[in-house]
Amino acid sequence: MSAGIVKRSVAIAGHRTSVSLEEPFWEVLREIADRRSLSVQALIGRIDAERGEQNLSSAIRVYVLGSLRAAADTEPS
C-alpha cells in the first residue's frame, strides 16, 4: 500500500474541485462509501456539507479516522 498523494477531481454541489489524499485514505473512503451504498463523490459531498471552515482534504481524513475509530469501538474484545 503506497502512501503517496493522489489528486482526484470530484463534483460537489455542481462544482468541480480536486481533492488530494494519500492512497490509503482513498481506499478506506471507497470502503465506507460501499458499506453505505453511496458513491465516493456522494460521501465527499456529505462530508463537505458538514465540514464548516475545515479544509476538505483534512475533513475527509478526520471523517475516515472517526469511522475507523467507531468501527474499532464496536469490535468484540
N, C-alpha and C. Protein backbone atom coordinates (compact mmCIF):
# COMPACT_ATOMS: atom_id res chain seq x y z
N MET A 1 0.85 -1.18 0.00
CA MET A 1 0.00 0.00 0.00
C MET A 1 0.89 1.23 0.00
N SER A 2 0.79 2.00 -1.05
CA SER A 2 1.58 3.22 -1.18
C SER A 2 0.91 4.36 -0.42
N ALA A 3 1.70 5.20 0.19
CA ALA A 3 1.14 6.33 0.94
C ALA A 3 1.25 7.62 0.15
N GLY A 4 1.56 7.53 -1.15
CA GLY A 4 1.71 8.72 -1.97
C GLY A 4 0.40 9.50 -2.10
N ILE A 5 0.53 10.79 -2.33
CA ILE A 5 -0.63 11.66 -2.50
C ILE A 5 -1.22 11.42 -3.89
N VAL A 6 -2.55 11.26 -3.92
CA VAL A 6 -3.28 11.08 -5.17
C VAL A 6 -4.31 12.20 -5.25
N LYS A 7 -4.31 12.91 -6.38
CA LYS A 7 -5.25 14.01 -6.58
C LYS A 7 -6.37 13.51 -7.49
N ARG A 8 -7.63 13.70 -7.04
CA ARG A 8 -8.78 13.29 -7.84
C ARG A 8 -9.73 14.46 -7.98
N SER A 9 -10.42 14.49 -9.11
CA SER A 9 -11.40 15.53 -9.38
C SER A 9 -12.78 15.00 -8.99
N VAL A 10 -13.55 15.82 -8.28
CA VAL A 10 -14.92 15.46 -7.88
C VAL A 10 -15.83 16.65 -8.09
N ALA A 11 -17.11 16.36 -8.22
CA ALA A 11 -18.11 17.42 -8.31
C ALA A 11 -18.86 17.47 -6.99
N ILE A 12 -18.90 18.65 -6.39
CA ILE A 12 -19.61 18.86 -5.12
C ILE A 12 -20.58 20.00 -5.33
N ALA A 13 -21.84 19.74 -5.10
CA ALA A 13 -22.88 20.76 -5.27
C ALA A 13 -22.78 21.43 -6.65
N GLY A 14 -22.49 20.62 -7.66
CA GLY A 14 -22.44 21.12 -9.02
C GLY A 14 -21.15 21.80 -9.43
N HIS A 15 -20.17 21.83 -8.55
CA HIS A 15 -18.89 22.48 -8.85
C HIS A 15 -17.77 21.46 -8.82
N ARG A 16 -16.89 21.51 -9.81
CA ARG A 16 -15.74 20.60 -9.85
C ARG A 16 -14.64 21.15 -8.94
N THR A 17 -14.03 20.23 -8.23
CA THR A 17 -12.88 20.59 -7.41
C THR A 17 -11.95 19.39 -7.37
N SER A 18 -10.74 19.58 -6.94
CA SER A 18 -9.83 18.45 -6.81
C SER A 18 -9.53 18.24 -5.33
N VAL A 19 -9.34 16.98 -4.99
CA VAL A 19 -9.04 16.60 -3.61
C VAL A 19 -7.75 15.78 -3.63
N SER A 20 -6.81 16.13 -2.78
CA SER A 20 -5.55 15.40 -2.67
C SER A 20 -5.52 14.65 -1.34
N LEU A 21 -5.40 13.33 -1.44
CA LEU A 21 -5.33 12.47 -0.27
C LEU A 21 -4.30 11.37 -0.52
N GLU A 22 -3.76 10.83 0.54
CA GLU A 22 -2.91 9.67 0.43
C GLU A 22 -3.77 8.48 -0.01
N GLU A 23 -3.18 7.58 -0.79
CA GLU A 23 -3.93 6.44 -1.33
C GLU A 23 -4.65 5.63 -0.25
N PRO A 24 -4.06 5.38 0.93
CA PRO A 24 -4.81 4.62 1.94
C PRO A 24 -6.12 5.31 2.35
N PHE A 25 -6.14 6.63 2.37
CA PHE A 25 -7.39 7.33 2.70
C PHE A 25 -8.42 7.14 1.59
N TRP A 26 -7.98 7.19 0.32
CA TRP A 26 -8.91 6.94 -0.78
C TRP A 26 -9.49 5.52 -0.68
N GLU A 27 -8.64 4.56 -0.33
CA GLU A 27 -9.10 3.17 -0.23
C GLU A 27 -10.16 3.01 0.85
N VAL A 28 -9.91 3.56 2.03
CA VAL A 28 -10.87 3.44 3.13
C VAL A 28 -12.13 4.25 2.83
N LEU A 29 -11.98 5.40 2.19
CA LEU A 29 -13.15 6.19 1.81
C LEU A 29 -14.05 5.40 0.87
N ARG A 30 -13.45 4.67 -0.10
CA ARG A 30 -14.23 3.81 -1.00
C ARG A 30 -14.95 2.71 -0.23
N GLU A 31 -14.27 2.11 0.74
CA GLU A 31 -14.88 1.05 1.56
C GLU A 31 -16.07 1.60 2.34
N ILE A 32 -15.92 2.76 2.94
CA ILE A 32 -17.01 3.38 3.70
C ILE A 32 -18.18 3.68 2.78
N ALA A 33 -17.90 4.25 1.62
CA ALA A 33 -18.96 4.57 0.65
C ALA A 33 -19.69 3.29 0.23
N ASP A 34 -18.95 2.23 -0.05
CA ASP A 34 -19.57 0.95 -0.44
C ASP A 34 -20.49 0.42 0.65
N ARG A 35 -20.03 0.46 1.90
CA ARG A 35 -20.84 -0.03 3.01
C ARG A 35 -22.13 0.77 3.17
N ARG A 36 -22.09 2.03 2.78
CA ARG A 36 -23.27 2.90 2.92
C ARG A 36 -24.06 3.01 1.62
N SER A 37 -23.68 2.21 0.63
CA SER A 37 -24.34 2.22 -0.69
C SER A 37 -24.34 3.62 -1.31
N LEU A 38 -23.21 4.29 -1.20
CA LEU A 38 -23.02 5.62 -1.77
C LEU A 38 -21.85 5.59 -2.74
N SER A 39 -21.83 6.54 -3.64
CA SER A 39 -20.62 6.76 -4.43
C SER A 39 -19.64 7.53 -3.56
N VAL A 40 -18.37 7.45 -3.90
CA VAL A 40 -17.36 8.23 -3.17
C VAL A 40 -17.69 9.71 -3.28
N GLN A 41 -18.12 10.13 -4.46
CA GLN A 41 -18.46 11.53 -4.67
C GLN A 41 -19.61 11.97 -3.76
N ALA A 42 -20.64 11.11 -3.62
CA ALA A 42 -21.76 11.46 -2.74
C ALA A 42 -21.30 11.54 -1.28
N LEU A 43 -20.43 10.63 -0.86
CA LEU A 43 -19.92 10.66 0.50
C LEU A 43 -19.09 11.92 0.73
N ILE A 44 -18.26 12.28 -0.24
CA ILE A 44 -17.48 13.51 -0.12
C ILE A 44 -18.42 14.71 -0.03
N GLY A 45 -19.51 14.69 -0.78
CA GLY A 45 -20.49 15.77 -0.70
C GLY A 45 -21.07 15.92 0.69
N ARG A 46 -21.35 14.79 1.34
CA ARG A 46 -21.87 14.84 2.72
C ARG A 46 -20.83 15.38 3.68
N ILE A 47 -19.59 14.93 3.52
CA ILE A 47 -18.50 15.42 4.37
C ILE A 47 -18.34 16.92 4.16
N ASP A 48 -18.38 17.36 2.92
CA ASP A 48 -18.24 18.77 2.58
C ASP A 48 -19.33 19.60 3.25
N ALA A 49 -20.55 19.10 3.25
CA ALA A 49 -21.68 19.85 3.81
C ALA A 49 -21.55 20.05 5.31
N GLU A 50 -20.77 19.19 5.98
CA GLU A 50 -20.66 19.25 7.43
C GLU A 50 -19.31 19.76 7.93
N ARG A 51 -18.43 20.16 7.03
CA ARG A 51 -17.05 20.45 7.45
C ARG A 51 -16.82 21.84 8.02
N GLY A 52 -17.74 22.75 7.84
CA GLY A 52 -17.53 24.10 8.34
C GLY A 52 -16.38 24.77 7.62
N GLU A 53 -15.45 25.34 8.37
CA GLU A 53 -14.32 26.07 7.80
C GLU A 53 -13.11 25.18 7.53
N GLN A 54 -13.20 23.92 7.88
CA GLN A 54 -12.07 23.00 7.74
C GLN A 54 -11.77 22.73 6.26
N ASN A 55 -10.50 22.59 5.93
CA ASN A 55 -10.06 22.21 4.59
C ASN A 55 -10.70 20.87 4.22
N LEU A 56 -11.15 20.71 2.97
CA LEU A 56 -11.87 19.49 2.57
C LEU A 56 -11.02 18.24 2.72
N SER A 57 -9.77 18.28 2.28
CA SER A 57 -8.91 17.09 2.42
C SER A 57 -8.75 16.71 3.89
N SER A 58 -8.56 17.70 4.75
CA SER A 58 -8.44 17.43 6.19
C SER A 58 -9.74 16.88 6.74
N ALA A 59 -10.86 17.44 6.32
CA ALA A 59 -12.16 16.96 6.79
C ALA A 59 -12.38 15.50 6.40
N ILE A 60 -11.95 15.13 5.21
CA ILE A 60 -12.08 13.73 4.77
C ILE A 60 -11.21 12.83 5.63
N ARG A 61 -9.98 13.24 5.88
CA ARG A 61 -9.09 12.43 6.73
C ARG A 61 -9.68 12.24 8.13
N VAL A 62 -10.20 13.32 8.71
CA VAL A 62 -10.80 13.23 10.05
C VAL A 62 -12.03 12.32 10.01
N TYR A 63 -12.83 12.42 8.97
CA TYR A 63 -14.01 11.57 8.83
C TYR A 63 -13.61 10.09 8.74
N VAL A 64 -12.61 9.79 7.92
CA VAL A 64 -12.13 8.41 7.79
C VAL A 64 -11.61 7.91 9.14
N LEU A 65 -10.83 8.72 9.82
CA LEU A 65 -10.30 8.33 11.13
C LEU A 65 -11.44 8.07 12.11
N GLY A 66 -12.43 8.95 12.14
CA GLY A 66 -13.58 8.76 13.03
C GLY A 66 -14.35 7.48 12.71
N SER A 67 -14.50 7.18 11.44
CA SER A 67 -15.20 5.95 11.04
C SER A 67 -14.43 4.72 11.48
N LEU A 68 -13.10 4.76 11.32
CA LEU A 68 -12.29 3.63 11.75
C LEU A 68 -12.32 3.47 13.27
N ARG A 69 -12.28 4.57 14.00
CA ARG A 69 -12.36 4.50 15.45
C ARG A 69 -13.70 3.93 15.90
N ALA A 70 -14.77 4.38 15.27
CA ALA A 70 -16.11 3.87 15.62
C ALA A 70 -16.20 2.38 15.35
N ALA A 71 -15.63 1.93 14.25
CA ALA A 71 -15.64 0.50 13.93
C ALA A 71 -14.82 -0.29 14.94
N ALA A 72 -13.69 0.27 15.36
CA ALA A 72 -12.85 -0.40 16.35
C ALA A 72 -13.55 -0.50 17.69
N ASP A 73 -14.34 0.51 18.04
CA ASP A 73 -15.07 0.51 19.32
C ASP A 73 -16.16 -0.54 19.36
N THR A 74 -16.65 -0.96 18.19
CA THR A 74 -17.73 -1.95 18.16
C THR A 74 -17.22 -3.37 18.02
N GLU A 75 -15.90 -3.53 17.81
CA GLU A 75 -15.33 -4.87 17.70
C GLU A 75 -15.32 -5.53 19.08
N PRO A 76 -15.64 -6.84 19.10
CA PRO A 76 -15.59 -7.53 20.40
C PRO A 76 -14.15 -7.62 20.92
N SER A 77 -14.01 -7.53 22.23
CA SER A 77 -12.68 -7.58 22.85
C SER A 77 -12.21 -9.00 22.99
